[in-house]
Amino acid sequence: MKLIFSRKGFDTAAGGVPSPILPDGRLLSLPIPDAHSTVSYDDIVHEGASLGPLVAELTRGRVTAGQGAHLDPDLLSEHLPRLPGWRPVFGQMGQAQSHLRNQGVGPGDLFLFFGLFRRIEQREGAWRFAPEARPCHLLWGWMQVDEVVSLEGGWPPGLEWARDHPHAQRLETARNTLYLARPRLTLEGVADGLPGAGVFSHEAPARRLTAPGASRVSDWALPPGFYPGKGRPPLSYHADPDRWRRHPDHVALRAVARGQEFVLDGAAYPEALAWAGARIRGGVDDGAVPAHDGEGKERG
């Protein structure tokens, strides 16, 4: 089994700002803008409210409510009206998909989605980033792969429920691929019955990647079991030994600034898989939002 740290959501390059941490600690990963998408920020509903006004306020109008949104990974049934058969799905293409393919990512492997976040506050009826709050990298969701579907030969039969997905609008792009989620998590050491995909509802120290007090968000603190010693293959894109530092209780990693998918061989790092499972188990106990209840909500 492979563990993939997958960078997704708003950041200083895509969207121009971090995704928000609400005053009560709730997380909301904002999908990046996408001019090809048939889904706008106004169309996406989170906890009963459209994302459009929040996106426009946080970006000070640089991203508008009516712009297309790249809702990917698409993990929550509540975000849009759904066709029967909907399930969580993640798409990748181009160079990033080549990397996943070359790393052998497929059924059974586990994506941990992370992004750039910063706390927000409301002033005079509008949302803004809290001046004293620093941005950080946080884990915000997960998905275990059930099936990998290539879109290079056109749209396959049986996926009508995914026609709103942004990769459906890019069928001409090389290596366009969808990863479909398992209904239930299958991970050694993690209790049966956990959902195969979902999002973490709140910020928590256990799901923070950026080291406490770090001057850069890319300075991570990971458990000691992530250290690439004893001939173990390192986290992909992180083969430079100068990026790693051992400490008594953790490993410091200076994560690369570019790249979307960082792959770790779980067979060589069983401690990392156990750590990932604990993050998911703890997130569910904290009120993580599962992907769906098994049935898509039909369009009305």
C-alpha atoms as a PDB file:
ATOM      1  CA  MET A   1       0.000   0.000   0.000  1.00  0.00           C
ATOM      2  CA  LYS A   2       1.166   3.507  -0.811  1.00  0.00           C
ATOM      3  CA  LEU A   3       0.489   6.708   1.103  1.00  0.00           C
ATOM      4  CA  ILE A   4       0.152   9.875  -0.970  1.00  0.00           C
ATOM      5  CA  PHE A   5       0.358  13.402   0.421  1.00  0.00           C
ATOM      6  CA  SER A   6      -1.727  15.290  -2.141  1.00  0.00           C
ATOM      7  CA  ARG A   7      -1.621  19.105  -2.178  1.00  0.00           C
ATOM      8  CA  LYS A   8      -5.090  20.474  -3.028  1.00  0.00           C
ATOM      9  CA  GLY A   9      -7.092  23.674  -2.586  1.00  0.00           C
ATOM     10  CA  PHE A  10      -6.387  27.405  -2.503  1.00  0.00           C
ATOM     11  CA  ASP A  11      -2.870  28.696  -1.942  1.00  0.00           C
ATOM     12  CA  THR A  12      -0.862  31.786  -2.862  1.00  0.00           C
ATOM     13  CA  ALA A  13      -0.499  30.595  -6.475  1.00  0.00           C
ATOM     14  CA  ALA A  14      -3.952  29.074  -7.151  1.00  0.00           C
ATOM     15  CA  GLY A  15      -6.697  31.295  -5.746  1.00  0.00           C
ATOM     16  CA  GLY A  16      -4.179  33.733  -4.285  1.00  0.00           C
ATOM     17  CA  VAL A  17      -4.998  33.161  -0.600  1.00  0.00           C
ATOM     18  CA  PRO A  18      -5.140  30.227   1.857  1.00  0.00           C
ATOM     19  CA  SER A  19      -8.273  28.238   2.547  1.00  0.00           C
ATOM     20  CA  PRO A  20     -10.051  29.378   5.713  1.00  0.00           C
ATOM     21  CA  ILE A  21     -10.086  28.106   9.264  1.00  0.00           C
ATOM     22  CA  LEU A  22     -13.306  29.465  10.740  1.00  0.00           C
ATOM     23  CA  PRO A  23     -13.289  31.067  14.217  1.00  0.00           C
ATOM     24  CA  ASP A  24     -14.640  27.850  15.790  1.00  0.00           C
ATOM     25  CA  GLY A  25     -11.872  25.787  14.181  1.00  0.00           C
ATOM     26  CA  ARG A  26     -13.866  24.376  11.275  1.00  0.00           C
ATOM     27  CA  LEU A  27     -11.909  23.758   8.075  1.00  0.00           C
ATOM     28  CA  LEU A  28     -13.070  24.610   4.569  1.00  0.00           C
ATOM     29  CA  SER A  29     -10.808  23.675   1.685  1.00  0.00           C
ATOM     30  CA  LEU A  30     -11.620  25.974  -1.239  1.00  0.00           C
ATOM     31  CA  PRO A  31     -11.346  24.448  -4.727  1.00  0.00           C
ATOM     32  CA  ILE A  32      -9.060  26.371  -7.065  1.00  0.00           C
ATOM     33  CA  PRO A  33     -10.472  28.464  -9.944  1.00  0.00           C
ATOM     34  CA  ASP A  34     -11.050  26.659 -13.254  1.00  0.00           C
ATOM     35  CA  ALA A  35     -12.310  28.460 -16.343  1.00  0.00           C
ATOM     36  CA  HIS A  36     -13.276  25.113 -17.958  1.00  0.00           C
ATOM     37  CA  SER A  37     -15.487  23.964 -15.084  1.00  0.00           C
ATOM     38  CA  THR A  38     -19.271  23.884 -15.448  1.00  0.00           C
ATOM     39  CA  VAL A  39     -19.605  24.315 -11.649  1.00  0.00           C
ATOM     40  CA  SER A  40     -19.243  27.788 -10.095  1.00  0.00           C
ATOM     41  CA  TYR A  41     -18.468  28.755  -6.507  1.00  0.00           C
ATOM     42  CA  ASP A  42     -22.081  29.877  -6.214  1.00  0.00           C
ATOM     43  CA  ASP A  43     -23.182  26.334  -7.085  1.00  0.00           C
ATOM     44  CA  ILE A  44     -21.170  24.658  -4.320  1.00  0.00           C
ATOM     45  CA  VAL A  45     -22.995  24.388  -0.998  1.00  0.00           C
ATOM     46  CA  HIS A  46     -21.166  23.837   2.289  1.00  0.00           C
ATOM     47  CA  GLU A  47     -23.175  23.452   5.504  1.00  0.00           C
ATOM     48  CA  GLY A  48     -26.189  24.966   3.779  1.00  0.00           C
ATOM     49  CA  ALA A  49     -24.486  28.073   2.365  1.00  0.00           C
ATOM     50  CA  SER A  50     -23.030  28.844  -1.049  1.00  0.00           C
ATOM     51  CA  LEU A  51     -19.248  29.221  -1.250  1.00  0.00           C
ATOM     52  CA  GLY A  52     -19.564  32.166  -3.639  1.00  0.00           C
ATOM     53  CA  PRO A  53     -19.815  35.090  -1.197  1.00  0.00           C
ATOM     54  CA  LEU A  54     -17.056  33.742   1.068  1.00  0.00           C
ATOM     55  CA  VAL A  55     -14.638  33.239  -1.834  1.00  0.00           C
ATOM     56  CA  ALA A  56     -15.320  36.744  -3.152  1.00  0.00           C
ATOM     57  CA  GLU A  57     -14.756  38.321   0.289  1.00  0.00           C
ATOM     58  CA  LEU A  58     -11.552  36.439   1.101  1.00  0.00           C
ATOM     59  CA  THR A  59      -9.997  37.182  -2.300  1.00  0.00           C
ATOM     60  CA  ARG A  60     -11.304  40.780  -2.278  1.00  0.00           C
ATOM     61  CA  GLY A  61     -13.073  40.140  -5.554  1.00  0.00           C
ATOM     62  CA  ARG A  62     -10.125  38.651  -7.441  1.00  0.00           C
ATOM     63  CA  VAL A  63     -12.106  35.413  -7.595  1.00  0.00           C
ATOM     64  CA  THR A  64     -15.813  36.019  -8.075  1.00  0.00           C
ATOM     65  CA  ALA A  65     -18.766  33.936  -6.956  1.00  0.00           C
ATOM     66  CA  GLY A  66     -19.719  33.122 -10.540  1.00  0.00           C
ATOM     67  CA  GLN A  67     -16.305  31.819 -11.616  1.00  0.00           C
ATOM     68  CA  GLY A  68     -15.758  28.151 -12.371  1.00  0.00           C
ATOM     69  CA  ALA A  69     -14.413  26.037  -9.519  1.00  0.00           C
ATOM     70  CA  HIS A  70     -12.195  22.955  -9.835  1.00  0.00           C
ATOM     71  CA  LEU A  71     -14.046  20.810  -7.288  1.00  0.00           C
ATOM     72  CA  ASP A  72     -11.426  18.072  -7.093  1.00  0.00           C
ATOM     73  CA  PRO A  73     -11.124  15.957  -5.063  1.00  0.00           C
ATOM     74  CA  ASP A  74     -14.906  15.818  -4.915  1.00  0.00           C
ATOM     75  CA  LEU A  75     -15.535  14.177  -1.553  1.00  0.00           C
ATOM     76  CA  LEU A  76     -18.842  15.382  -0.094  1.00  0.00           C
ATOM     77  CA  SER A  77     -22.273  14.590  -1.498  1.00  0.00           C
ATOM     78  CA  GLU A  78     -23.726  17.789   0.015  1.00  0.00           C
ATOM     79  CA  HIS A  79     -21.655  20.076  -2.207  1.00  0.00           C
ATOM     80  CA  LEU A  80     -23.851  19.646  -5.311  1.00  0.00           C
ATOM     81  CA  PRO A  81     -27.070  17.945  -6.391  1.00  0.00           C
ATOM     82  CA  ARG A  82     -26.024  14.396  -7.269  1.00  0.00           C
ATOM     83  CA  LEU A  83     -27.117  11.782  -9.747  1.00  0.00           C
ATOM     84  CA  PRO A  84     -27.815   8.262  -8.458  1.00  0.00           C
ATOM     85  CA  GLY A  85     -24.657   6.248  -8.061  1.00  0.00           C
ATOM     86  CA  TRP A  86     -22.452   9.195  -7.063  1.00  0.00           C
ATOM     87  CA  ARG A  87     -19.317   8.346  -5.132  1.00  0.00           C
ATOM     88  CA  PRO A  88     -16.241  10.326  -4.075  1.00  0.00           C
ATOM     89  CA  VAL A  89     -13.750  10.837  -6.892  1.00  0.00           C
ATOM     90  CA  PHE A  90     -10.386  12.467  -7.488  1.00  0.00           C
ATOM     91  CA  GLY A  91      -8.874  13.362 -10.862  1.00  0.00           C
ATOM     92  CA  GLN A  92      -5.310  13.847 -12.012  1.00  0.00           C
ATOM     93  CA  MET A  93      -3.676  14.423 -15.404  1.00  0.00           C
ATOM     94  CA  GLY A  94      -0.503  15.503 -17.176  1.00  0.00           C
ATOM     95  CA  GLN A  95       2.820  15.380 -15.351  1.00  0.00           C
ATOM     96  CA  ALA A  96       1.272  14.838 -11.927  1.00  0.00           C
ATOM     97  CA  GLN A  97      -0.598  11.767 -13.178  1.00  0.00           C
ATOM     98  CA  SER A  98       2.590  10.472 -14.800  1.00  0.00           C
ATOM     99  CA  HIS A  99       4.218  10.675 -11.381  1.00  0.00           C
ATOM    100  CA  LEU A 100       1.376   8.733  -9.730  1.00  0.00           C
ATOM    101  CA  ARG A 101       1.508   6.106 -12.482  1.00  0.00           C
ATOM    102  CA  ASN A 102       5.293   5.792 -12.289  1.00  0.00           C
ATOM    103  CA  GLN A 103       5.027   5.353  -8.523  1.00  0.00           C
ATOM    104  CA  GLY A 104       2.527   2.530  -9.051  1.00  0.00           C
ATOM    105  CA  VAL A 105      -0.397   4.230  -7.296  1.00  0.00           C
ATOM    106  CA  GLY A 106      -3.586   2.209  -7.679  1.00  0.00           C
ATOM    107  CA  PRO A 107      -6.371   0.321  -5.852  1.00  0.00           C
ATOM    108  CA  GLY A 108      -5.924   0.165  -2.100  1.00  0.00           C
ATOM    109  CA  ASP A 109      -3.588   3.157  -1.896  1.00  0.00           C
ATOM    110  CA  LEU A 110      -4.449   6.047   0.408  1.00  0.00           C
ATOM    111  CA  PHE A 111      -4.513   9.751  -0.438  1.00  0.00           C
ATOM    112  CA  LEU A 112      -4.148  12.256   2.391  1.00  0.00           C
ATOM    113  CA  PHE A 113      -5.149  15.675   1.076  1.00  0.00           C
ATOM    114  CA  PHE A 114      -3.420  18.707   2.540  1.00  0.00           C
ATOM    115  CA  GLY A 115      -3.519  22.408   1.813  1.00  0.00           C
ATOM    116  CA  LEU A 116      -2.632  25.894   2.951  1.00  0.00           C
ATOM    117  CA  PHE A 117      -4.950  27.258   5.665  1.00  0.00           C
ATOM    118  CA  ARG A 118      -5.246  30.411   7.745  1.00  0.00           C
ATOM    119  CA  ARG A 119      -7.722  31.495  10.395  1.00  0.00           C
ATOM    120  CA  ILE A 120     -10.383  34.035   9.427  1.00  0.00           C
ATOM    121  CA  GLU A 121     -12.586  36.444  11.377  1.00  0.00           C
ATOM    122  CA  GLN A 122     -15.608  38.596  10.686  1.00  0.00           C
ATOM    123  CA  ARG A 123     -15.337  42.384  10.815  1.00  0.00           C
ATOM    124  CA  GLU A 124     -18.150  44.786   9.943  1.00  0.00           C
ATOM    125  CA  GLY A 125     -20.181  41.978   8.445  1.00  0.00           C
ATOM    126  CA  ALA A 126     -17.436  40.676   6.131  1.00  0.00           C
ATOM    127  CA  TRP A 127     -14.915  37.860   6.368  1.00  0.00           C
ATOM    128  CA  ARG A 128     -11.195  38.569   6.386  1.00  0.00           C
ATOM    129  CA  PHE A 129      -7.999  36.771   7.386  1.00  0.00           C
ATOM    130  CA  ALA A 130      -7.108  37.388  11.020  1.00  0.00           C
ATOM    131  CA  PRO A 131      -4.045  39.685  10.967  1.00  0.00           C
ATOM    132  CA  GLU A 132      -2.261  37.827  13.756  1.00  0.00           C
ATOM    133  CA  ALA A 133      -2.893  34.357  12.294  1.00  0.00           C
ATOM    134  CA  ARG A 134      -0.125  32.604  10.370  1.00  0.00           C
ATOM    135  CA  PRO A 135      -0.803  30.213   7.486  1.00  0.00           C
ATOM    136  CA  CYS A 136       0.064  26.528   7.812  1.00  0.00           C
ATOM    137  CA  HIS A 137      -0.235  23.228   5.987  1.00  0.00           C
ATOM    138  CA  LEU A 138      -3.015  21.031   7.366  1.00  0.00           C
ATOM    139  CA  LEU A 139      -4.462  17.661   6.428  1.00  0.00           C
ATOM    140  CA  TRP A 140      -8.085  18.206   5.434  1.00  0.00           C
ATOM    141  CA  GLY A 141      -9.316  14.973   3.843  1.00  0.00           C
ATOM    142  CA  TRP A 142      -8.613  11.403   2.786  1.00  0.00           C
ATOM    143  CA  MET A 143      -9.578   8.898   0.100  1.00  0.00           C
ATOM    144  CA  GLN A 144      -8.663   5.247  -0.389  1.00  0.00           C
ATOM    145  CA  VAL A 145      -8.598   4.164  -4.020  1.00  0.00           C
ATOM    146  CA  ASP A 146     -11.005   1.482  -5.199  1.00  0.00           C
ATOM    147  CA  GLU A 147     -10.604   1.827  -8.972  1.00  0.00           C
ATOM    148  CA  VAL A 148      -8.493   3.813 -11.451  1.00  0.00           C
ATOM    149  CA  VAL A 149     -10.244   4.903 -14.669  1.00  0.00           C
ATOM    150  CA  SER A 150      -8.428   6.359 -17.689  1.00  0.00           C
ATOM    151  CA  LEU A 151     -10.294   9.053 -19.649  1.00  0.00           C
ATOM    152  CA  GLU A 152      -7.860   9.101 -22.572  1.00  0.00           C
ATOM    153  CA  GLY A 153     -10.209   7.013 -24.716  1.00  0.00           C
ATOM    154  CA  GLY A 154     -13.200   9.257 -24.012  1.00  0.00           C
ATOM    155  CA  TRP A 155     -15.850   9.212 -21.337  1.00  0.00           C
ATOM    156  CA  PRO A 156     -16.411   5.608 -20.172  1.00  0.00           C
ATOM    157  CA  PRO A 157     -19.860   4.068 -19.699  1.00  0.00           C
ATOM    158  CA  GLY A 158     -21.215   3.867 -16.170  1.00  0.00           C
ATOM    159  CA  LEU A 159     -19.809   7.209 -14.999  1.00  0.00           C
ATOM    160  CA  GLU A 160     -22.758   9.457 -15.845  1.00  0.00           C
ATOM    161  CA  TRP A 161     -22.908  10.450 -12.175  1.00  0.00           C
ATOM    162  CA  ALA A 162     -19.490  12.141 -12.527  1.00  0.00           C
ATOM    163  CA  ARG A 163     -20.277  14.364 -15.517  1.00  0.00           C
ATOM    164  CA  ASP A 164     -19.976  17.490 -13.320  1.00  0.00           C
ATOM    165  CA  HIS A 165     -16.412  16.590 -12.381  1.00  0.00           C
ATOM    166  CA  PRO A 166     -13.889  19.080 -13.825  1.00  0.00           C
ATOM    167  CA  HIS A 167     -11.898  16.329 -15.538  1.00  0.00           C
ATOM    168  CA  ALA A 168     -14.976  15.564 -17.640  1.00  0.00           C
ATOM    169  CA  GLN A 169     -14.391  18.941 -19.290  1.00  0.00           C
ATOM    170  CA  ARG A 170     -10.758  18.117 -20.166  1.00  0.00           C
ATOM    171  CA  LEU A 171     -10.997  14.895 -22.128  1.00  0.00           C
ATOM    172  CA  GLU A 172      -8.371  16.119 -24.584  1.00  0.00           C
ATOM    173  CA  THR A 173      -5.713  16.424 -21.866  1.00  0.00           C
ATOM    174  CA  ALA A 174      -2.971  13.790 -21.789  1.00  0.00           C
ATOM    175  CA  ARG A 175      -3.118  11.110 -19.090  1.00  0.00           C
ATOM    176  CA  ASN A 176      -6.485  12.323 -17.780  1.00  0.00           C
ATOM    177  CA  THR A 177      -7.430   9.867 -15.030  1.00  0.00           C
ATOM    178  CA  LEU A 178     -10.041   9.400 -12.314  1.00  0.00           C
ATOM    179  CA  TYR A 179      -9.539   7.664  -8.964  1.00  0.00           C
ATOM    180  CA  LEU A 180     -12.775   6.292  -7.477  1.00  0.00           C
ATOM    181  CA  ALA A 181     -13.107   5.873  -3.711  1.00  0.00           C
ATOM    182  CA  ARG A 182     -13.695   2.708  -1.769  1.00  0.00           C
ATOM    183  CA  PRO A 183     -16.973   2.682   0.186  1.00  0.00           C
ATOM    184  CA  ARG A 184     -15.136   1.656   3.371  1.00  0.00           C
ATOM    185  CA  LEU A 185     -11.566   2.046   4.549  1.00  0.00           C
ATOM    186  CA  THR A 186      -9.436  -1.094   4.489  1.00  0.00           C
ATOM    187  CA  LEU A 187      -6.314  -0.379   6.483  1.00  0.00           C
ATOM    188  CA  GLU A 188      -4.525  -2.718   8.855  1.00  0.00           C
ATOM    189  CA  GLY A 189      -4.842  -1.611  12.433  1.00  0.00           C
ATOM    190  CA  VAL A 190      -7.831   0.688  11.776  1.00  0.00           C
ATOM    191  CA  ALA A 191     -11.276  -0.374  12.921  1.00  0.00           C
ATOM    192  CA  ASP A 192     -13.613  -1.611  10.213  1.00  0.00           C
ATOM    193  CA  GLY A 193     -16.532   0.563   9.200  1.00  0.00           C
ATOM    194  CA  LEU A 194     -14.706   3.853   8.652  1.00  0.00           C
ATOM    195  CA  PRO A 195     -15.658   5.622   5.415  1.00  0.00           C
ATOM    196  CA  GLY A 196     -13.309   5.241   2.471  1.00  0.00           C
ATOM    197  CA  ALA A 197     -13.294   9.012   1.899  1.00  0.00           C
ATOM    198  CA  GLY A 198     -14.181  12.146   3.801  1.00  0.00           C
ATOM    199  CA  VAL A 199     -13.000  15.479   5.179  1.00  0.00           C
ATOM    200  CA  PHE A 200     -11.759  16.497   8.606  1.00  0.00           C
ATOM    201  CA  SER A 201     -14.257  18.919  10.066  1.00  0.00           C
ATOM    202  CA  HIS A 202     -11.901  20.864  12.361  1.00  0.00           C
ATOM    203  CA  GLU A 203      -8.332  21.972  12.790  1.00  0.00           C
ATOM    204  CA  ALA A 204      -6.347  19.756  15.184  1.00  0.00           C
ATOM    205  CA  PRO A 205      -2.665  19.586  16.169  1.00  0.00           C
ATOM    206  CA  ALA A 206      -2.538  15.927  15.119  1.00  0.00           C
ATOM    207  CA  ARG A 207      -3.425  16.893  11.539  1.00  0.00           C
ATOM    208  CA  ARG A 208      -1.016  19.816  11.249  1.00  0.00           C
ATOM    209  CA  LEU A 209       2.010  19.315   8.991  1.00  0.00           C
ATOM    210  CA  THR A 210       3.757  22.676   9.458  1.00  0.00           C
ATOM    211  CA  ALA A 211       5.991  22.541  12.523  1.00  0.00           C
ATOM    212  CA  PRO A 212       4.885  24.714  15.464  1.00  0.00           C
ATOM    213  CA  GLY A 213       6.661  28.054  15.315  1.00  0.00           C
ATOM    214  CA  ALA A 214       8.079  27.393  11.841  1.00  0.00           C
ATOM    215  CA  SER A 215       8.917  30.456   9.762  1.00  0.00           C
ATOM    216  CA  ARG A 216       7.852  28.663   6.560  1.00  0.00           C
ATOM    217  CA  VAL A 217       4.724  26.589   5.999  1.00  0.00           C
ATOM    218  CA  SER A 218       6.824  24.026   4.127  1.00  0.00           C
ATOM    219  CA  ASP A 219       8.847  23.222   7.265  1.00  0.00           C
ATOM    220  CA  TRP A 220       7.035  20.087   8.431  1.00  0.00           C
ATOM    221  CA  ALA A 221       7.221  18.014  11.589  1.00  0.00           C
ATOM    222  CA  LEU A 222       6.544  14.305  11.007  1.00  0.00           C
ATOM    223  CA  PRO A 223       6.827  11.231  13.245  1.00  0.00           C
ATOM    224  CA  PRO A 224      10.270   9.584  13.463  1.00  0.00           C
ATOM    225  CA  GLY A 225       9.045   6.672  11.329  1.00  0.00           C
ATOM    226  CA  PHE A 226       9.076   8.860   8.210  1.00  0.00           C
ATOM    227  CA  TYR A 227      12.861   9.234   8.197  1.00  0.00           C
ATOM    228  CA  PRO A 228      14.305   7.720   4.979  1.00  0.00           C
ATOM    229  CA  GLY A 229      17.167   5.803   6.529  1.00  0.00           C
ATOM    230  CA  LYS A 230      18.337   2.183   6.350  1.00  0.00           C
ATOM    231  CA  GLY A 231      17.997   2.019   2.568  1.00  0.00           C
ATOM    232  CA  ARG A 232      14.291   2.854   2.539  1.00  0.00           C
ATOM    233  CA  PRO A 233      13.057   4.824  -0.502  1.00  0.00           C
ATOM    234  CA  PRO A 234      12.259   8.410   0.558  1.00  0.00           C
ATOM    235  CA  LEU A 235       9.014  10.271   0.063  1.00  0.00           C
ATOM    236  CA  SER A 236       8.927  11.085  -3.648  1.00  0.00           C
ATOM    237  CA  TYR A 237      10.390  14.497  -4.609  1.00  0.00           C
ATOM    238  CA  HIS A 238      12.264  14.467  -1.287  1.00  0.00           C
ATOM    239  CA  ALA A 239      15.353  12.367  -1.986  1.00  0.00           C
ATOM    240  CA  ASP A 240      17.754  15.173  -1.022  1.00  0.00           C
ATOM    241  CA  PRO A 241      19.055  14.183   2.443  1.00  0.00           C
ATOM    242  CA  ASP A 242      19.522  17.861   3.324  1.00  0.00           C
ATOM    243  CA  ARG A 243      15.733  18.184   3.452  1.00  0.00           C
ATOM    244  CA  TRP A 244      15.538  15.818   6.433  1.00  0.00           C
ATOM    245  CA  ARG A 245      16.640  16.319  10.039  1.00  0.00           C
ATOM    246  CA  ARG A 246      16.240  13.881  12.903  1.00  0.00           C
ATOM    247  CA  HIS A 247      15.125  15.085  16.320  1.00  0.00           C
ATOM    248  CA  PRO A 248      14.462  13.044  19.469  1.00  0.00           C
ATOM    249  CA  ASP A 249      10.676  13.099  19.067  1.00  0.00           C
ATOM    250  CA  HIS A 250      10.092  13.942  15.384  1.00  0.00           C
ATOM    251  CA  VAL A 251      11.563  14.321  11.920  1.00  0.00           C
ATOM    252  CA  ALA A 252      11.873  17.761  10.356  1.00  0.00           C
ATOM    253  CA  LEU A 253      11.218  17.903   6.599  1.00  0.00           C
ATOM    254  CA  ARG A 254      11.580  20.925   4.368  1.00  0.00           C
ATOM    255  CA  ALA A 255       8.855  20.037   1.844  1.00  0.00           C
ATOM    256  CA  VAL A 256       9.331  21.049  -1.776  1.00  0.00           C
ATOM    257  CA  ALA A 257       7.556  24.219  -2.845  1.00  0.00           C
ATOM    258  CA  ARG A 258       6.257  22.719  -6.086  1.00  0.00           C
ATOM    259  CA  GLY A 259       4.600  19.399  -6.845  1.00  0.00           C
ATOM    260  CA  GLN A 260       1.172  17.997  -6.082  1.00  0.00           C
ATOM    261  CA  GLU A 261       1.627  14.329  -5.220  1.00  0.00           C
ATOM    262  CA  PHE A 262       4.239  13.005  -2.766  1.00  0.00           C
ATOM    263  CA  VAL A 263       4.238   9.197  -2.623  1.00  0.00           C
ATOM    264  CA  LEU A 264       5.540   6.965   0.169  1.00  0.00           C
ATOM    265  CA  ASP A 265       5.918   3.176  -0.040  1.00  0.00           C
ATOM    266  CA  GLY A 266       3.916   1.866   2.896  1.00  0.00           C
ATOM    267  CA  ALA A 267       5.652  -1.507   2.793  1.00  0.00           C
ATOM    268  CA  ALA A 268       8.889   0.260   3.758  1.00  0.00           C
ATOM    269  CA  TYR A 269       7.168   2.611   6.208  1.00  0.00           C
ATOM    270  CA  PRO A 270       4.535   0.678   8.202  1.00  0.00           C
ATOM    271  CA  GLU A 271       4.749   3.350  10.920  1.00  0.00           C
ATOM    272  CA  ALA A 272       3.561   5.952   8.410  1.00  0.00           C
ATOM    273  CA  LEU A 273       0.510   3.881   7.501  1.00  0.00           C
ATOM    274  CA  ALA A 274      -0.328   3.446  11.178  1.00  0.00           C
ATOM    275  CA  TRP A 275       0.060   7.210  11.653  1.00  0.00           C
ATOM    276  CA  ALA A 276      -2.293   7.895   8.704  1.00  0.00           C
ATOM    277  CA  GLY A 277      -4.866   5.490  10.073  1.00  0.00           C
ATOM    278  CA  ALA A 278      -4.720   7.165  13.465  1.00  0.00           C
ATOM    279  CA  ARG A 279      -5.276  10.572  11.841  1.00  0.00           C
ATOM    280  CA  ILE A 280      -8.413   9.258  10.111  1.00  0.00           C
ATOM    281  CA  ARG A 281      -9.672   7.420  13.179  1.00  0.00           C
ATOM    282  CA  GLY A 282      -9.118  10.506  15.307  1.00  0.00           C
ATOM    283  CA  GLY A 283     -10.753  12.734  12.716  1.00  0.00           C
ATOM    284  CA  VAL A 284     -13.872  10.571  12.640  1.00  0.00           C
ATOM    285  CA  ASP A 285     -14.008  10.664  16.435  1.00  0.00           C
ATOM    286  CA  ASP A 286     -13.703  14.475  16.228  1.00  0.00           C
ATOM    287  CA  GLY A 287     -16.658  14.687  13.858  1.00  0.00           C
ATOM    288  CA  ALA A 288     -15.111  14.242  10.410  1.00  0.00           C
ATOM    289  CA  VAL A 289     -17.622  14.427   7.576  1.00  0.00           C
ATOM    290  CA  PRO A 290     -17.901  11.149   5.643  1.00  0.00           C
ATOM    291  CA  ALA A 291     -18.194  11.361   1.899  1.00  0.00           C
ATOM    292  CA  HIS A 292     -21.830  10.316   1.708  1.00  0.00           C
ATOM    293  CA  ASP A 293     -24.400   7.976   3.152  1.00  0.00           C
ATOM    294  CA  GLY A 294     -24.283   5.553   0.236  1.00  0.00           C
ATOM    295  CA  GLU A 295     -26.721   7.209  -2.111  1.00  0.00           C
ATOM    296  CA  GLY A 296     -26.418  10.348  -4.178  1.00  0.00           C
ATOM    297  CA  LYS A 297     -29.141  12.950  -3.831  1.00  0.00           C
ATOM    298  CA  GLU A 298     -31.036  13.079  -7.103  1.00  0.00           C
ATOM    299  CA  ARG A 299     -31.343  16.286  -9.039  1.00  0.00           C
ATOM    300  CA  GLY A 300     -34.717  17.847  -8.557  1.00  0.00           C
END
